[in-house]
Amino acid sequence: METNLIAEAAKFMLLGMGIVFLFLIIMILVLKVQAKIIGKYFPEKKVSPVKATKASDNTAKMAAIVAAVQHHKNLKG
């Protein structure tokens, strides 16, 4: 009744790794099918981006920076 423990350990290791590999392959296939189904029934709507003028964008940034600096100076005293 002598068993080769290394051979049995290798069998269990290959079996476990095989099952994990098979699970991952099945999961990838299911996610691809799911993406196709969702893309078919719920397509993305194309939204045109709102174009902001550079002047107003820069002005808003500058105002936020000035307000932050003033607030920091007021906290210091």
N, C-alpha and C. Protein backbone atom coordinates (compact mmCIF):
# COMPACT_ATOMS: atom_id res chain seq x y z
N MET A 1 0.83 -1.18 0.00
CA MET A 1 0.00 0.00 0.00
C MET A 1 0.88 1.24 0.00
N GLU A 2 1.85 1.22 -0.83
CA GLU A 2 2.72 2.38 -0.91
C GLU A 2 2.21 3.33 -1.98
N THR A 3 2.03 4.59 -1.60
CA THR A 3 1.57 5.59 -2.55
C THR A 3 2.66 6.64 -2.73
N ASN A 4 2.77 7.07 -3.94
CA ASN A 4 3.75 8.10 -4.22
C ASN A 4 3.10 9.46 -3.95
N LEU A 5 3.49 10.08 -2.86
CA LEU A 5 2.85 11.32 -2.46
C LEU A 5 3.12 12.46 -3.45
N ILE A 6 4.29 12.47 -4.04
CA ILE A 6 4.61 13.54 -5.00
C ILE A 6 3.75 13.40 -6.24
N ALA A 7 3.52 12.16 -6.70
CA ALA A 7 2.68 11.95 -7.88
C ALA A 7 1.24 12.35 -7.59
N GLU A 8 0.75 11.99 -6.40
CA GLU A 8 -0.62 12.38 -6.05
C GLU A 8 -0.73 13.90 -5.91
N ALA A 9 0.26 14.53 -5.32
CA ALA A 9 0.23 15.99 -5.18
C ALA A 9 0.23 16.65 -6.55
N ALA A 10 1.01 16.12 -7.48
CA ALA A 10 1.04 16.68 -8.84
C ALA A 10 -0.31 16.51 -9.52
N LYS A 11 -0.95 15.34 -9.31
CA LYS A 11 -2.29 15.12 -9.89
C LYS A 11 -3.30 16.13 -9.35
N PHE A 12 -3.28 16.32 -8.02
CA PHE A 12 -4.21 17.27 -7.42
C PHE A 12 -3.93 18.70 -7.89
N MET A 13 -2.64 19.02 -8.02
CA MET A 13 -2.28 20.36 -8.48
C MET A 13 -2.77 20.58 -9.91
N LEU A 14 -2.55 19.62 -10.79
CA LEU A 14 -3.00 19.76 -12.17
C LEU A 14 -4.52 19.80 -12.26
N LEU A 15 -5.18 18.99 -11.45
CA LEU A 15 -6.64 19.00 -11.43
C LEU A 15 -7.17 20.36 -10.97
N GLY A 16 -6.61 20.88 -9.90
CA GLY A 16 -7.04 22.18 -9.38
C GLY A 16 -6.76 23.31 -10.36
N MET A 17 -5.57 23.32 -10.93
CA MET A 17 -5.23 24.37 -11.89
C MET A 17 -6.08 24.26 -13.14
N GLY A 18 -6.39 23.04 -13.55
CA GLY A 18 -7.24 22.83 -14.72
C GLY A 18 -8.65 23.34 -14.50
N ILE A 19 -9.18 23.08 -13.32
CA ILE A 19 -10.53 23.56 -12.99
C ILE A 19 -10.57 25.08 -12.96
N VAL A 20 -9.57 25.70 -12.36
CA VAL A 20 -9.52 27.17 -12.31
C VAL A 20 -9.39 27.74 -13.72
N PHE A 21 -8.53 27.14 -14.53
CA PHE A 21 -8.36 27.61 -15.91
C PHE A 21 -9.65 27.46 -16.69
N LEU A 22 -10.33 26.33 -16.54
CA LEU A 22 -11.60 26.11 -17.23
C LEU A 22 -12.64 27.13 -16.78
N PHE A 23 -12.69 27.40 -15.49
CA PHE A 23 -13.64 28.39 -14.97
C PHE A 23 -13.36 29.76 -15.58
N LEU A 24 -12.10 30.15 -15.65
CA LEU A 24 -11.76 31.47 -16.20
C LEU A 24 -12.13 31.56 -17.68
N ILE A 25 -11.88 30.51 -18.44
CA ILE A 25 -12.25 30.50 -19.86
C ILE A 25 -13.76 30.63 -20.02
N ILE A 26 -14.52 29.88 -19.23
CA ILE A 26 -15.98 29.96 -19.30
C ILE A 26 -16.46 31.35 -18.90
N MET A 27 -15.85 31.93 -17.87
CA MET A 27 -16.25 33.26 -17.42
C MET A 27 -16.00 34.30 -18.51
N ILE A 28 -14.85 34.21 -19.20
CA ILE A 28 -14.55 35.15 -20.28
C ILE A 28 -15.56 35.01 -21.41
N LEU A 29 -15.90 33.78 -21.78
CA LEU A 29 -16.89 33.57 -22.84
C LEU A 29 -18.26 34.13 -22.45
N VAL A 30 -18.67 33.88 -21.21
CA VAL A 30 -19.97 34.38 -20.75
C VAL A 30 -19.99 35.91 -20.76
N LEU A 31 -18.89 36.54 -20.32
CA LEU A 31 -18.85 38.01 -20.31
C LEU A 31 -18.89 38.58 -21.72
N LYS A 32 -18.24 37.92 -22.68
CA LYS A 32 -18.29 38.38 -24.07
C LYS A 32 -19.70 38.28 -24.64
N VAL A 33 -20.37 37.16 -24.36
CA VAL A 33 -21.75 36.99 -24.82
C VAL A 33 -22.65 38.03 -24.17
N GLN A 34 -22.44 38.27 -22.87
CA GLN A 34 -23.23 39.26 -22.16
C GLN A 34 -23.03 40.65 -22.75
N ALA A 35 -21.79 40.99 -23.10
CA ALA A 35 -21.51 42.30 -23.69
C ALA A 35 -22.21 42.45 -25.03
N LYS A 36 -22.24 41.39 -25.83
CA LYS A 36 -22.92 41.45 -27.12
C LYS A 36 -24.42 41.62 -26.94
N ILE A 37 -24.99 40.90 -25.97
CA ILE A 37 -26.44 41.00 -25.73
C ILE A 37 -26.79 42.40 -25.24
N ILE A 38 -26.01 42.93 -24.29
CA ILE A 38 -26.29 44.27 -23.77
C ILE A 38 -26.10 45.31 -24.87
N GLY A 39 -25.07 45.16 -25.70
CA GLY A 39 -24.84 46.09 -26.80
C GLY A 39 -25.95 46.06 -27.83
N LYS A 40 -26.57 44.89 -28.00
CA LYS A 40 -27.66 44.77 -28.98
C LYS A 40 -28.94 45.43 -28.48
N TYR A 41 -29.30 45.17 -27.23
CA TYR A 41 -30.57 45.67 -26.71
C TYR A 41 -30.47 47.05 -26.05
N PHE A 42 -29.30 47.45 -25.64
CA PHE A 42 -29.11 48.75 -25.00
C PHE A 42 -27.92 49.47 -25.63
N PRO A 43 -28.09 49.93 -26.87
CA PRO A 43 -26.96 50.60 -27.52
C PRO A 43 -26.65 51.94 -26.85
N GLU A 44 -25.38 52.35 -26.96
CA GLU A 44 -24.98 53.63 -26.38
C GLU A 44 -25.54 54.77 -27.22
N LYS A 45 -26.02 55.79 -26.55
CA LYS A 45 -26.54 56.95 -27.25
C LYS A 45 -25.40 57.92 -27.49
N LYS A 46 -25.32 58.42 -28.69
CA LYS A 46 -24.27 59.38 -29.01
C LYS A 46 -24.71 60.76 -28.54
N VAL A 47 -23.92 61.34 -27.66
CA VAL A 47 -24.21 62.65 -27.10
C VAL A 47 -23.15 63.61 -27.61
N SER A 48 -23.61 64.71 -28.17
CA SER A 48 -22.63 65.69 -28.64
C SER A 48 -22.12 66.48 -27.44
N PRO A 49 -20.81 66.60 -27.32
CA PRO A 49 -20.27 67.33 -26.17
C PRO A 49 -20.56 68.82 -26.27
N VAL A 50 -20.79 69.42 -25.13
CA VAL A 50 -21.04 70.85 -25.07
C VAL A 50 -19.70 71.56 -25.16
N LYS A 51 -19.60 72.46 -26.11
CA LYS A 51 -18.34 73.17 -26.29
C LYS A 51 -18.33 74.43 -25.43
N ALA A 52 -17.37 74.50 -24.56
CA ALA A 52 -17.22 75.67 -23.70
C ALA A 52 -16.15 76.56 -24.32
N THR A 53 -16.37 77.84 -24.23
CA THR A 53 -15.37 78.74 -24.78
C THR A 53 -14.16 78.75 -23.86
N LYS A 54 -13.00 78.96 -24.44
CA LYS A 54 -11.78 78.96 -23.63
C LYS A 54 -11.73 80.13 -22.66
N ALA A 55 -12.25 81.26 -23.08
CA ALA A 55 -12.19 82.44 -22.22
C ALA A 55 -12.98 82.22 -20.93
N SER A 56 -14.20 81.71 -21.06
CA SER A 56 -15.01 81.50 -19.85
C SER A 56 -14.43 80.39 -19.00
N ASP A 57 -13.83 79.39 -19.64
CA ASP A 57 -13.23 78.29 -18.89
C ASP A 57 -12.02 78.79 -18.10
N ASN A 58 -11.17 79.58 -18.74
CA ASN A 58 -10.00 80.12 -18.06
C ASN A 58 -10.39 81.11 -16.98
N THR A 59 -11.42 81.89 -17.21
CA THR A 59 -11.88 82.85 -16.22
C THR A 59 -12.38 82.13 -14.96
N ALA A 60 -13.12 81.07 -15.17
CA ALA A 60 -13.64 80.31 -14.03
C ALA A 60 -12.49 79.68 -13.24
N LYS A 61 -11.49 79.16 -13.94
CA LYS A 61 -10.34 78.57 -13.25
C LYS A 61 -9.59 79.63 -12.46
N MET A 62 -9.38 80.78 -13.07
CA MET A 62 -8.65 81.86 -12.41
C MET A 62 -9.40 82.32 -11.16
N ALA A 63 -10.73 82.45 -11.26
CA ALA A 63 -11.52 82.88 -10.12
C ALA A 63 -11.43 81.86 -8.98
N ALA A 64 -11.44 80.58 -9.31
CA ALA A 64 -11.34 79.55 -8.29
C ALA A 64 -9.97 79.58 -7.61
N ILE A 65 -8.92 79.81 -8.37
CA ILE A 65 -7.58 79.88 -7.80
C ILE A 65 -7.44 81.07 -6.87
N VAL A 66 -7.95 82.23 -7.31
CA VAL A 66 -7.86 83.44 -6.48
C VAL A 66 -8.65 83.24 -5.19
N ALA A 67 -9.83 82.66 -5.29
CA ALA A 67 -10.65 82.44 -4.10
C ALA A 67 -9.95 81.47 -3.14
N ALA A 68 -9.31 80.44 -3.67
CA ALA A 68 -8.62 79.48 -2.81
C ALA A 68 -7.44 80.14 -2.10
N VAL A 69 -6.68 80.97 -2.80
CA VAL A 69 -5.53 81.63 -2.19
C VAL A 69 -6.00 82.60 -1.10
N GLN A 70 -7.05 83.36 -1.38
CA GLN A 70 -7.58 84.30 -0.39
C GLN A 70 -8.09 83.56 0.85
N HIS A 71 -8.75 82.45 0.62
CA HIS A 71 -9.28 81.66 1.75
C HIS A 71 -8.11 81.13 2.60
N HIS A 72 -7.07 80.68 1.96
CA HIS A 72 -5.91 80.16 2.68
C HIS A 72 -5.24 81.27 3.50
N LYS A 73 -5.13 82.47 2.91
CA LYS A 73 -4.52 83.59 3.62
C LYS A 73 -5.38 83.99 4.82
N ASN A 74 -6.69 83.95 4.67
CA ASN A 74 -7.58 84.32 5.78
C ASN A 74 -7.51 83.31 6.92
N LEU A 75 -7.26 82.05 6.60
CA LEU A 75 -7.15 81.03 7.65
C LEU A 75 -5.88 81.21 8.47
N LYS A 76 -4.80 81.65 7.80
CA LYS A 76 -3.53 81.83 8.48
C LYS A 76 -3.57 83.04 9.42
N GLY A 77 -4.32 84.02 9.05
CA GLY A 77 -4.41 85.17 9.93
C GLY A 77 -3.82 86.36 9.38
